[in-house]
Amino acid sequence: MVAPTKVFAALNSIDVGERIKKKGKLSYLSWAWAWSELKKKYPLATSIVYEQDNGRIYWDDGRTAWVKVGVTIEELEHIEYLPIMDFKNQSIQIAKINSTDVNNSIQRALTKAIARHGLGLYIYAGEDLPEEDDSLGEARNEIRSIVGDAPDGEVKDELIHALKEAGCKNPNDLASMSAANLAKVLKSFNEIIG
């Protein structure tokens, strides 16, 4: 048996950057690609879609529902519970769920269970953060635009230094910055460009 840390390291080292797809504000991997990459490294890996005693492949609370999918590699299983959601990533009312909705959630849960083993896990970082208001997104976009449009040289270096002072490594790494820090960065940018 391979140590779980080695499995995680092996899968986590795979660059999934060119395989990332977008749906709204969320990033994801194709379940087929993720499963293929997993099986290349660990041909004995298995998955399971959990069923209730009556054979139903989802659970509900009387209002909405979810699926349960597990992926086992080298005797270590990671389980993912995922709500059955619509195209806006909102839970679907139980009376409106159809087989396609259930299947889509199973495939997404499979991919996320694989990610728990390491493959593309970083894609889901921050997915559980609350929705931000539009003004924060606009501030982040403005910062990216200012840095991107600045010609290489002293001004661009000052802009990047202001980002680093606010705890940000690069213009694409703004998701975790607070509204207060974003405001400080924009103020610094205005002084630099001013």
N, C-alpha and C. Protein backbone atom coordinates (compact mmCIF):
# COMPACT_ATOMS: atom_id res chain seq x y z
N MET A 1 0.84 -1.19 0.00
CA MET A 1 0.00 0.00 0.00
C MET A 1 0.88 1.24 0.00
N VAL A 2 0.53 2.20 -0.86
CA VAL A 2 1.25 3.46 -0.93
C VAL A 2 0.72 4.37 0.17
N ALA A 3 1.60 5.09 0.84
CA ALA A 3 1.18 6.00 1.91
C ALA A 3 0.26 7.08 1.35
N PRO A 4 -0.82 7.41 2.10
CA PRO A 4 -1.75 8.45 1.63
C PRO A 4 -1.07 9.77 1.29
N THR A 5 0.00 10.12 2.01
CA THR A 5 0.69 11.37 1.72
C THR A 5 1.37 11.32 0.34
N LYS A 6 1.84 10.13 -0.05
CA LYS A 6 2.46 10.00 -1.37
C LYS A 6 1.41 10.07 -2.47
N VAL A 7 0.23 9.49 -2.22
CA VAL A 7 -0.87 9.58 -3.18
C VAL A 7 -1.25 11.04 -3.36
N PHE A 8 -1.44 11.73 -2.26
CA PHE A 8 -1.83 13.13 -2.32
C PHE A 8 -0.76 13.94 -3.07
N ALA A 9 0.50 13.75 -2.72
CA ALA A 9 1.58 14.50 -3.36
C ALA A 9 1.62 14.23 -4.86
N ALA A 10 1.45 12.96 -5.25
CA ALA A 10 1.49 12.61 -6.67
C ALA A 10 0.35 13.26 -7.44
N LEU A 11 -0.86 13.22 -6.89
CA LEU A 11 -2.01 13.80 -7.59
C LEU A 11 -2.00 15.32 -7.53
N ASN A 12 -1.56 15.87 -6.40
CA ASN A 12 -1.54 17.31 -6.24
C ASN A 12 -0.50 17.97 -7.13
N SER A 13 0.50 17.21 -7.56
CA SER A 13 1.56 17.77 -8.41
C SER A 13 1.15 17.85 -9.88
N ILE A 14 0.03 17.26 -10.24
CA ILE A 14 -0.42 17.30 -11.63
C ILE A 14 -0.97 18.69 -11.93
N ASP A 15 -0.45 19.32 -12.97
CA ASP A 15 -0.91 20.65 -13.36
C ASP A 15 -2.23 20.52 -14.10
N VAL A 16 -3.29 21.04 -13.51
CA VAL A 16 -4.61 20.96 -14.13
C VAL A 16 -5.01 22.28 -14.78
N GLY A 17 -4.09 23.24 -14.77
CA GLY A 17 -4.40 24.59 -15.24
C GLY A 17 -5.07 24.67 -16.60
N GLU A 18 -4.59 23.88 -17.56
CA GLU A 18 -5.17 23.95 -18.90
C GLU A 18 -6.47 23.17 -19.01
N ARG A 19 -6.85 22.47 -17.96
CA ARG A 19 -8.08 21.66 -17.98
C ARG A 19 -9.22 22.30 -17.20
N ILE A 20 -8.95 23.45 -16.60
CA ILE A 20 -9.98 24.12 -15.80
C ILE A 20 -11.03 24.72 -16.71
N LYS A 21 -12.28 24.48 -16.36
CA LYS A 21 -13.40 25.07 -17.08
C LYS A 21 -14.14 25.99 -16.13
N LYS A 22 -14.92 26.91 -16.68
CA LYS A 22 -15.67 27.87 -15.87
C LYS A 22 -17.16 27.66 -16.06
N LYS A 23 -17.89 27.84 -14.95
CA LYS A 23 -19.35 27.87 -14.99
C LYS A 23 -19.75 28.98 -14.04
N GLY A 24 -20.19 30.10 -14.60
CA GLY A 24 -20.47 31.25 -13.77
C GLY A 24 -19.19 31.71 -13.11
N LYS A 25 -19.21 31.84 -11.79
CA LYS A 25 -18.03 32.28 -11.04
C LYS A 25 -17.18 31.10 -10.57
N LEU A 26 -17.65 29.87 -10.80
CA LEU A 26 -16.94 28.70 -10.28
C LEU A 26 -16.06 28.05 -11.33
N SER A 27 -14.95 27.50 -10.88
CA SER A 27 -14.04 26.74 -11.75
C SER A 27 -14.23 25.27 -11.44
N TYR A 28 -14.03 24.44 -12.45
CA TYR A 28 -14.18 23.00 -12.24
C TYR A 28 -13.36 22.22 -13.25
N LEU A 29 -13.24 20.92 -13.01
CA LEU A 29 -12.60 20.00 -13.94
C LEU A 29 -13.66 19.07 -14.50
N SER A 30 -13.47 18.63 -15.71
CA SER A 30 -14.33 17.61 -16.29
C SER A 30 -14.17 16.32 -15.48
N TRP A 31 -15.28 15.69 -15.13
CA TRP A 31 -15.21 14.44 -14.36
C TRP A 31 -14.46 13.37 -15.16
N ALA A 32 -14.68 13.33 -16.47
CA ALA A 32 -14.04 12.29 -17.30
C ALA A 32 -12.52 12.48 -17.32
N TRP A 33 -12.07 13.72 -17.44
CA TRP A 33 -10.63 13.98 -17.44
C TRP A 33 -10.03 13.64 -16.08
N ALA A 34 -10.69 14.06 -15.00
CA ALA A 34 -10.19 13.79 -13.66
C ALA A 34 -10.10 12.28 -13.41
N TRP A 35 -11.13 11.54 -13.82
CA TRP A 35 -11.14 10.09 -13.63
C TRP A 35 -10.03 9.44 -14.45
N SER A 36 -9.83 9.91 -15.67
CA SER A 36 -8.78 9.38 -16.53
C SER A 36 -7.40 9.59 -15.92
N GLU A 37 -7.14 10.80 -15.44
CA GLU A 37 -5.84 11.09 -14.82
C GLU A 37 -5.62 10.25 -13.56
N LEU A 38 -6.68 10.09 -12.79
CA LEU A 38 -6.59 9.27 -11.58
C LEU A 38 -6.23 7.84 -11.93
N LYS A 39 -6.92 7.27 -12.92
CA LYS A 39 -6.71 5.86 -13.29
C LYS A 39 -5.33 5.64 -13.93
N LYS A 40 -4.78 6.67 -14.57
CA LYS A 40 -3.42 6.54 -15.12
C LYS A 40 -2.42 6.32 -13.99
N LYS A 41 -2.59 7.05 -12.89
CA LYS A 41 -1.67 6.95 -11.76
C LYS A 41 -2.01 5.77 -10.86
N TYR A 42 -3.30 5.52 -10.66
CA TYR A 42 -3.75 4.49 -9.72
C TYR A 42 -4.83 3.65 -10.38
N PRO A 43 -4.43 2.67 -11.21
CA PRO A 43 -5.40 1.89 -11.97
C PRO A 43 -6.41 1.11 -11.10
N LEU A 44 -6.08 0.86 -9.85
CA LEU A 44 -6.99 0.12 -8.98
C LEU A 44 -7.93 1.02 -8.18
N ALA A 45 -7.88 2.32 -8.44
CA ALA A 45 -8.78 3.25 -7.75
C ALA A 45 -10.22 2.90 -8.10
N THR A 46 -11.11 3.08 -7.14
CA THR A 46 -12.53 2.80 -7.36
C THR A 46 -13.39 3.97 -6.91
N SER A 47 -14.60 3.97 -7.42
CA SER A 47 -15.57 4.97 -6.96
C SER A 47 -16.87 4.26 -6.65
N ILE A 48 -17.69 4.91 -5.83
CA ILE A 48 -18.99 4.37 -5.48
C ILE A 48 -20.00 5.51 -5.35
N VAL A 49 -21.17 5.28 -5.90
CA VAL A 49 -22.29 6.18 -5.68
C VAL A 49 -23.14 5.49 -4.63
N TYR A 50 -23.23 6.10 -3.47
CA TYR A 50 -23.96 5.47 -2.38
C TYR A 50 -25.46 5.51 -2.65
N GLU A 51 -26.11 4.42 -2.25
CA GLU A 51 -27.55 4.28 -2.42
C GLU A 51 -28.20 4.07 -1.06
N GLN A 52 -29.47 4.44 -0.99
CA GLN A 52 -30.26 4.11 0.19
C GLN A 52 -30.70 2.65 0.07
N ASP A 53 -31.26 2.09 1.14
CA ASP A 53 -31.71 0.70 1.13
C ASP A 53 -32.71 0.42 0.02
N ASN A 54 -33.49 1.42 -0.36
CA ASN A 54 -34.50 1.23 -1.41
C ASN A 54 -33.93 1.43 -2.82
N GLY A 55 -32.61 1.66 -2.93
CA GLY A 55 -31.97 1.82 -4.22
C GLY A 55 -31.90 3.25 -4.71
N ARG A 56 -32.52 4.18 -4.03
CA ARG A 56 -32.48 5.57 -4.45
C ARG A 56 -31.07 6.12 -4.24
N ILE A 57 -30.57 6.87 -5.22
CA ILE A 57 -29.17 7.33 -5.18
C ILE A 57 -29.03 8.77 -4.71
N TYR A 58 -30.01 9.28 -4.02
CA TYR A 58 -29.88 10.59 -3.38
C TYR A 58 -30.69 10.62 -2.11
N TRP A 59 -30.34 11.57 -1.27
CA TRP A 59 -31.01 11.77 0.02
C TRP A 59 -31.71 13.10 -0.02
N ASP A 60 -32.71 13.30 0.84
CA ASP A 60 -33.37 14.59 0.88
C ASP A 60 -33.79 14.94 2.30
N ASP A 61 -34.08 16.22 2.48
CA ASP A 61 -34.54 16.73 3.76
C ASP A 61 -36.01 17.17 3.68
N GLY A 62 -36.68 16.73 2.62
CA GLY A 62 -38.06 17.12 2.40
C GLY A 62 -38.21 18.36 1.53
N ARG A 63 -37.12 19.10 1.36
CA ARG A 63 -37.14 20.31 0.54
C ARG A 63 -36.15 20.23 -0.61
N THR A 64 -34.90 19.84 -0.29
CA THR A 64 -33.84 19.73 -1.30
C THR A 64 -33.17 18.37 -1.13
N ALA A 65 -32.19 18.09 -1.99
CA ALA A 65 -31.56 16.77 -1.95
C ALA A 65 -30.06 16.87 -2.23
N TRP A 66 -29.37 15.75 -1.97
CA TRP A 66 -27.93 15.68 -2.18
C TRP A 66 -27.54 14.25 -2.53
N VAL A 67 -26.33 14.12 -3.12
CA VAL A 67 -25.77 12.82 -3.45
C VAL A 67 -24.55 12.57 -2.58
N LYS A 68 -24.14 11.32 -2.54
CA LYS A 68 -22.98 10.91 -1.75
C LYS A 68 -22.13 10.00 -2.63
N VAL A 69 -20.89 10.42 -2.88
CA VAL A 69 -19.99 9.68 -3.76
C VAL A 69 -18.65 9.49 -3.04
N GLY A 70 -18.09 8.30 -3.16
CA GLY A 70 -16.78 8.02 -2.57
C GLY A 70 -15.77 7.60 -3.61
N VAL A 71 -14.52 7.94 -3.38
CA VAL A 71 -13.41 7.50 -4.23
C VAL A 71 -12.37 6.89 -3.31
N THR A 72 -11.96 5.67 -3.64
CA THR A 72 -10.97 4.95 -2.84
C THR A 72 -9.70 4.75 -3.65
N ILE A 73 -8.58 5.14 -3.05
CA ILE A 73 -7.25 4.93 -3.62
C ILE A 73 -6.40 4.31 -2.53
N GLU A 74 -5.81 3.18 -2.85
CA GLU A 74 -4.92 2.51 -1.89
C GLU A 74 -5.58 2.38 -0.51
N GLU A 75 -6.82 1.94 -0.49
CA GLU A 75 -7.58 1.66 0.73
C GLU A 75 -8.02 2.90 1.51
N LEU A 76 -7.76 4.09 0.99
CA LEU A 76 -8.23 5.32 1.64
C LEU A 76 -9.39 5.89 0.84
N GLU A 77 -10.56 6.00 1.48
CA GLU A 77 -11.73 6.54 0.81
C GLU A 77 -11.97 7.98 1.25
N HIS A 78 -12.26 8.82 0.27
CA HIS A 78 -12.74 10.18 0.54
C HIS A 78 -14.15 10.26 -0.01
N ILE A 79 -15.06 10.79 0.81
CA ILE A 79 -16.47 10.88 0.44
C ILE A 79 -16.84 12.34 0.24
N GLU A 80 -17.61 12.59 -0.79
CA GLU A 80 -18.11 13.94 -1.07
C GLU A 80 -19.63 13.91 -1.06
N TYR A 81 -20.23 14.81 -0.29
CA TYR A 81 -21.67 15.03 -0.29
C TYR A 81 -21.89 16.31 -1.10
N LEU A 82 -22.79 16.26 -2.06
CA LEU A 82 -23.00 17.44 -2.90
C LEU A 82 -24.48 17.67 -3.13
N PRO A 83 -24.94 18.91 -2.92
CA PRO A 83 -26.35 19.22 -3.18
C PRO A 83 -26.68 19.02 -4.66
N ILE A 84 -27.90 18.68 -4.94
CA ILE A 84 -28.39 18.63 -6.32
C ILE A 84 -28.78 20.05 -6.67
N MET A 85 -28.04 20.63 -7.65
CA MET A 85 -28.16 22.06 -7.92
C MET A 85 -28.56 22.33 -9.36
N ASP A 86 -29.08 23.55 -9.58
CA ASP A 86 -29.42 23.98 -10.93
C ASP A 86 -28.21 24.65 -11.57
N PHE A 87 -28.40 25.25 -12.76
CA PHE A 87 -27.30 25.87 -13.48
C PHE A 87 -26.75 27.10 -12.78
N LYS A 88 -27.47 27.62 -11.78
CA LYS A 88 -26.99 28.76 -11.00
C LYS A 88 -26.33 28.31 -9.70
N ASN A 89 -26.10 27.02 -9.57
CA ASN A 89 -25.53 26.42 -8.37
C ASN A 89 -26.39 26.66 -7.14
N GLN A 90 -27.69 26.66 -7.32
CA GLN A 90 -28.66 26.76 -6.23
C GLN A 90 -29.34 25.41 -6.06
N SER A 91 -29.60 25.01 -4.82
CA SER A 91 -30.29 23.75 -4.58
C SER A 91 -31.65 23.74 -5.28
N ILE A 92 -31.97 22.61 -5.88
CA ILE A 92 -33.24 22.44 -6.58
C ILE A 92 -34.26 21.89 -5.58
N GLN A 93 -35.46 22.42 -5.63
CA GLN A 93 -36.54 21.90 -4.79
C GLN A 93 -36.81 20.45 -5.17
N ILE A 94 -37.06 19.61 -4.18
CA ILE A 94 -37.20 18.17 -4.37
C ILE A 94 -38.20 17.81 -5.47
N ALA A 95 -39.31 18.54 -5.56
CA ALA A 95 -40.34 18.22 -6.56
C ALA A 95 -39.87 18.51 -7.99
N LYS A 96 -38.81 19.29 -8.15
CA LYS A 96 -38.34 19.67 -9.48
C LYS A 96 -37.09 18.91 -9.93
N ILE A 97 -36.57 18.04 -9.09
CA ILE A 97 -35.35 17.30 -9.43
C ILE A 97 -35.66 16.25 -10.49
N ASN A 98 -34.77 16.18 -11.50
CA ASN A 98 -34.91 15.12 -12.50
C ASN A 98 -33.63 14.30 -12.57
N SER A 99 -33.64 13.25 -13.35
CA SER A 99 -32.50 12.33 -13.39
C SER A 99 -31.23 13.00 -13.90
N THR A 100 -31.35 13.96 -14.80
CA THR A 100 -30.18 14.68 -15.29
C THR A 100 -29.54 15.49 -14.16
N ASP A 101 -30.36 16.13 -13.35
CA ASP A 101 -29.84 16.90 -12.21
C ASP A 101 -29.05 15.99 -11.27
N VAL A 102 -29.61 14.80 -10.99
CA VAL A 102 -28.96 13.85 -10.10
C VAL A 102 -27.64 13.39 -10.71
N ASN A 103 -27.65 13.03 -11.99
CA ASN A 103 -26.44 12.57 -12.67
C ASN A 103 -25.36 13.65 -12.67
N ASN A 104 -25.73 14.89 -12.97
CA ASN A 104 -24.75 15.98 -12.96
C ASN A 104 -24.12 16.15 -11.59
N SER A 105 -24.92 16.05 -10.54
CA SER A 105 -24.38 16.18 -9.19
C SER A 105 -23.46 15.01 -8.84
N ILE A 106 -23.80 13.83 -9.29
CA ILE A 106 -22.93 12.67 -9.05
C ILE A 106 -21.58 12.88 -9.70
N GLN A 107 -21.56 13.35 -10.95
CA GLN A 107 -20.28 13.56 -11.64
C GLN A 107 -19.46 14.66 -10.97
N ARG A 108 -20.13 15.74 -10.52
CA ARG A 108 -19.41 16.80 -9.81
C ARG A 108 -18.86 16.29 -8.48
N ALA A 109 -19.67 15.48 -7.79
CA ALA A 109 -19.22 14.92 -6.51
C ALA A 109 -18.04 13.98 -6.72
N LEU A 110 -18.06 13.20 -7.81
CA LEU A 110 -16.95 12.31 -8.13
C LEU A 110 -15.67 13.13 -8.30
N THR A 111 -15.75 14.20 -9.07
CA THR A 111 -14.58 15.05 -9.30
C THR A 111 -14.07 15.66 -8.01
N LYS A 112 -14.99 16.09 -7.15
CA LYS A 112 -14.57 16.70 -5.88
C LYS A 112 -14.00 15.64 -4.93
N ALA A 113 -14.50 14.41 -4.97
CA ALA A 113 -13.93 13.34 -4.15
C ALA A 113 -12.51 13.03 -4.63
N ILE A 114 -12.29 13.05 -5.94
CA ILE A 114 -10.94 12.87 -6.48
C ILE A 114 -10.05 14.01 -6.01
N ALA A 115 -10.58 15.23 -6.00
CA ALA A 115 -9.81 16.40 -5.55
C ALA A 115 -9.40 16.25 -4.09
N ARG A 116 -10.22 15.63 -3.28
CA ARG A 116 -9.85 15.41 -1.88
C ARG A 116 -8.60 14.54 -1.77
N HIS A 117 -8.35 13.73 -2.79
CA HIS A 117 -7.12 12.93 -2.84
C HIS A 117 -5.95 13.75 -3.39
N GLY A 118 -6.22 14.96 -3.92
CA GLY A 118 -5.13 15.84 -4.36
C GLY A 118 -5.27 16.42 -5.75
N LEU A 119 -5.94 15.75 -6.68
CA LEU A 119 -5.98 16.21 -8.07
C LEU A 119 -6.86 17.46 -8.21
N GLY A 120 -6.22 18.60 -8.44
CA GLY A 120 -6.96 19.84 -8.65
C GLY A 120 -7.62 20.41 -7.41
N LEU A 121 -7.17 20.01 -6.25
CA LEU A 121 -7.81 20.47 -5.01
C LEU A 121 -7.82 22.00 -4.91
N TYR A 122 -6.75 22.63 -5.38
CA TYR A 122 -6.66 24.08 -5.25
C TYR A 122 -7.77 24.81 -5.99
N ILE A 123 -8.39 24.16 -6.98
CA ILE A 123 -9.49 24.79 -7.71
C ILE A 123 -10.64 25.14 -6.77
N TYR A 124 -10.86 24.27 -5.79
CA TYR A 124 -12.01 24.43 -4.91
C TYR A 124 -11.72 25.31 -3.69
N ALA A 125 -10.49 25.77 -3.55
CA ALA A 125 -10.15 26.66 -2.44
C ALA A 125 -10.96 27.93 -2.59
N GLY A 126 -11.63 28.32 -1.53
CA GLY A 126 -12.42 29.53 -1.57
C GLY A 126 -13.84 29.31 -2.05
N GLU A 127 -14.16 28.11 -2.56
CA GLU A 127 -15.52 27.85 -3.04
C GLU A 127 -16.53 27.95 -1.91
N ASP A 128 -16.07 27.67 -0.70
CA ASP A 128 -16.98 27.71 0.43
C ASP A 128 -17.05 29.10 1.08
N LEU A 129 -16.42 30.09 0.45
CA LEU A 129 -16.48 31.45 0.96
C LEU A 129 -17.83 32.07 0.60
N PRO A 130 -18.32 32.98 1.41
CA PRO A 130 -19.59 33.62 1.08
C PRO A 130 -19.47 34.44 -0.20
N GLU A 131 -20.61 34.60 -0.87
CA GLU A 131 -20.64 35.43 -2.07
C GLU A 131 -20.24 36.86 -1.71
N GLU A 132 -19.46 37.46 -2.55
CA GLU A 132 -19.07 38.84 -2.29
C GLU A 132 -19.99 39.78 -3.05
N ASP A 133 -20.07 41.00 -2.57
CA ASP A 133 -20.92 41.93 -3.31
C ASP A 133 -20.17 42.41 -4.55
N ASP A 134 -20.91 42.95 -5.49
CA ASP A 134 -20.34 43.34 -6.78
C ASP A 134 -19.23 44.37 -6.66
N SER A 135 -19.30 45.25 -5.66
CA SER A 135 -18.29 46.29 -5.53
C SER A 135 -16.91 45.70 -5.23
N LEU A 136 -16.87 44.61 -4.47
CA LEU A 136 -15.57 43.97 -4.20
C LEU A 136 -15.00 43.36 -5.48
N GLY A 137 -15.85 42.70 -6.24
CA GLY A 137 -15.41 42.13 -7.51
C GLY A 137 -14.92 43.21 -8.46
N GLU A 138 -15.63 44.33 -8.49
CA GLU A 138 -15.21 45.45 -9.35
C GLU A 138 -13.87 46.01 -8.89
N ALA A 139 -13.66 46.11 -7.58
CA ALA A 139 -12.39 46.62 -7.06
C ALA A 139 -11.25 45.69 -7.46
N ARG A 140 -11.48 44.39 -7.33
CA ARG A 140 -10.44 43.43 -7.73
C ARG A 140 -10.13 43.55 -9.22
N ASN A 141 -11.18 43.67 -10.03
CA ASN A 141 -10.97 43.81 -11.48
C ASN A 141 -10.23 45.09 -11.81
N GLU A 142 -10.54 46.17 -11.11
CA GLU A 142 -9.86 47.44 -11.35
C GLU A 142 -8.37 47.32 -11.01
N ILE A 143 -8.06 46.67 -9.89
CA ILE A 143 -6.65 46.48 -9.50
C ILE A 143 -5.92 45.67 -10.57
N ARG A 144 -6.53 44.57 -11.00
CA ARG A 144 -5.90 43.75 -12.05
C ARG A 144 -5.67 44.56 -13.32
N SER A 145 -6.65 45.36 -13.68
CA SER A 145 -6.56 46.16 -14.90
C SER A 145 -5.45 47.19 -14.81
N ILE A 146 -5.35 47.88 -13.67
CA ILE A 146 -4.33 48.91 -13.49
C ILE A 146 -2.93 48.29 -13.61
N VAL A 147 -2.74 47.16 -12.93
CA VAL A 147 -1.42 46.52 -12.97
C VAL A 147 -1.14 46.00 -14.38
N GLY A 148 -2.16 45.40 -14.99
CA GLY A 148 -1.98 44.84 -16.33
C GLY A 148 -1.68 45.89 -17.39
N ASP A 149 -2.27 47.08 -17.25
CA ASP A 149 -2.09 48.14 -18.23
C ASP A 149 -0.82 48.96 -18.03
N ALA A 150 -0.24 48.87 -16.82
CA ALA A 150 0.96 49.66 -16.54
C ALA A 150 2.14 49.11 -17.33
N PRO A 151 2.90 49.99 -17.97
CA PRO A 151 4.09 49.51 -18.70
C PRO A 151 5.14 49.04 -17.69
N ASP A 152 5.96 48.09 -18.12
CA ASP A 152 7.03 47.62 -17.25
C ASP A 152 7.93 48.79 -16.89
N GLY A 153 8.38 48.79 -15.65
CA GLY A 153 9.26 49.87 -15.20
C GLY A 153 8.94 50.24 -13.77
N GLU A 154 9.35 51.45 -13.41
CA GLU A 154 9.25 51.91 -12.02
C GLU A 154 7.81 51.95 -11.51
N VAL A 155 6.87 52.47 -12.32
CA VAL A 155 5.47 52.57 -11.88
C VAL A 155 4.89 51.19 -11.62
N LYS A 156 5.11 50.27 -12.54
CA LYS A 156 4.59 48.91 -12.37
C LYS A 156 5.20 48.27 -11.12
N ASP A 157 6.49 48.48 -10.90
CA ASP A 157 7.14 47.95 -9.70
C ASP A 157 6.51 48.50 -8.43
N GLU A 158 6.18 49.81 -8.44
CA GLU A 158 5.54 50.43 -7.28
C GLU A 158 4.14 49.84 -7.04
N LEU A 159 3.40 49.59 -8.12
CA LEU A 159 2.07 48.99 -7.99
C LEU A 159 2.16 47.60 -7.38
N ILE A 160 3.08 46.82 -7.88
CA ILE A 160 3.26 45.45 -7.36
C ILE A 160 3.72 45.49 -5.91
N HIS A 161 4.59 46.47 -5.58
CA HIS A 161 5.03 46.63 -4.19
C HIS A 161 3.84 46.96 -3.28
N ALA A 162 2.94 47.81 -3.75
CA ALA A 162 1.74 48.16 -2.96
C ALA A 162 0.88 46.92 -2.72
N LEU A 163 0.77 46.06 -3.71
CA LEU A 163 0.03 44.81 -3.55
C LEU A 163 0.69 43.92 -2.50
N LYS A 164 2.01 43.80 -2.60
CA LYS A 164 2.73 42.96 -1.63
C LYS A 164 2.59 43.49 -0.21
N GLU A 165 2.62 44.82 -0.08
CA GLU A 165 2.43 45.43 1.24
C GLU A 165 1.07 45.08 1.83
N ALA A 166 0.10 44.88 0.96
CA ALA A 166 -1.26 44.53 1.41
C ALA A 166 -1.42 43.02 1.58
N GLY A 167 -0.32 42.26 1.39
CA GLY A 167 -0.35 40.82 1.60
C GLY A 167 -0.72 40.02 0.38
N CYS A 168 -0.61 40.60 -0.80
CA CYS A 168 -0.98 39.92 -2.04
C CYS A 168 0.27 39.68 -2.88
N LYS A 169 0.42 38.47 -3.38
CA LYS A 169 1.62 38.14 -4.14
C LYS A 169 1.56 38.60 -5.59
N ASN A 170 0.36 38.59 -6.18
CA ASN A 170 0.23 39.03 -7.57
C ASN A 170 -1.20 39.48 -7.85
N PRO A 171 -1.42 40.18 -8.95
CA PRO A 171 -2.75 40.72 -9.25
C PRO A 171 -3.83 39.66 -9.40
N ASN A 172 -3.44 38.43 -9.68
CA ASN A 172 -4.43 37.36 -9.81
C ASN A 172 -4.75 36.69 -8.49
N ASP A 173 -4.10 37.13 -7.43
CA ASP A 173 -4.28 36.52 -6.11
C ASP A 173 -4.99 37.52 -5.18
N LEU A 174 -6.14 37.99 -5.60
CA LEU A 174 -6.84 39.02 -4.84
C LEU A 174 -8.06 38.49 -4.09
N ALA A 175 -8.40 37.22 -4.30
CA ALA A 175 -9.67 36.68 -3.77
C ALA A 175 -9.75 36.74 -2.26
N SER A 176 -8.64 36.60 -1.57
CA SER A 176 -8.70 36.54 -0.11
C SER A 176 -8.54 37.92 0.55
N MET A 177 -8.36 38.96 -0.25
CA MET A 177 -8.16 40.29 0.32
C MET A 177 -9.48 40.87 0.80
N SER A 178 -9.43 41.47 1.96
CA SER A 178 -10.62 42.09 2.55
C SER A 178 -10.96 43.37 1.80
N ALA A 179 -12.18 43.84 2.02
CA ALA A 179 -12.62 45.10 1.42
C ALA A 179 -11.72 46.25 1.86
N ALA A 180 -11.32 46.24 3.13
CA ALA A 180 -10.46 47.31 3.65
C ALA A 180 -9.11 47.31 2.94
N ASN A 181 -8.52 46.12 2.75
CA ASN A 181 -7.23 46.05 2.06
C ASN A 181 -7.34 46.43 0.59
N LEU A 182 -8.46 46.03 -0.03
CA LEU A 182 -8.67 46.43 -1.43
C LEU A 182 -8.74 47.95 -1.54
N ALA A 183 -9.44 48.57 -0.61
CA ALA A 183 -9.56 50.03 -0.62
C ALA A 183 -8.19 50.69 -0.43
N LYS A 184 -7.37 50.13 0.47
CA LYS A 184 -6.02 50.67 0.70
C LYS A 184 -5.17 50.56 -0.56
N VAL A 185 -5.28 49.40 -1.24
CA VAL A 185 -4.50 49.20 -2.46
C VAL A 185 -4.93 50.21 -3.52
N LEU A 186 -6.23 50.39 -3.69
CA LEU A 186 -6.70 51.36 -4.69
C LEU A 186 -6.24 52.78 -4.35
N LYS A 187 -6.26 53.12 -3.07
CA LYS A 187 -5.79 54.44 -2.65
C LYS A 187 -4.30 54.58 -2.97
N SER A 188 -3.51 53.55 -2.66
CA SER A 188 -2.08 53.58 -2.97
C SER A 188 -1.86 53.72 -4.48
N PHE A 189 -2.66 52.97 -5.26
CA PHE A 189 -2.54 53.05 -6.71
C PHE A 189 -2.81 54.46 -7.20
N ASN A 190 -3.85 55.09 -6.66
CA ASN A 190 -4.17 56.46 -7.07
C ASN A 190 -3.02 57.42 -6.75
N GLU A 191 -2.36 57.22 -5.61
CA GLU A 191 -1.22 58.07 -5.24
C GLU A 191 -0.04 57.82 -6.18
N ILE A 192 0.17 56.56 -6.55
CA ILE A 192 1.31 56.21 -7.42
C ILE A 192 1.07 56.77 -8.83
N ILE A 193 -0.13 56.54 -9.33
CA ILE A 193 -0.44 56.97 -10.70
C ILE A 193 -0.72 58.46 -10.76
N GLY A 194 -1.43 58.95 -9.69
CA GLY A 194 -1.90 60.29 -9.50
C GLY A 194 -1.35 61.31 -10.34
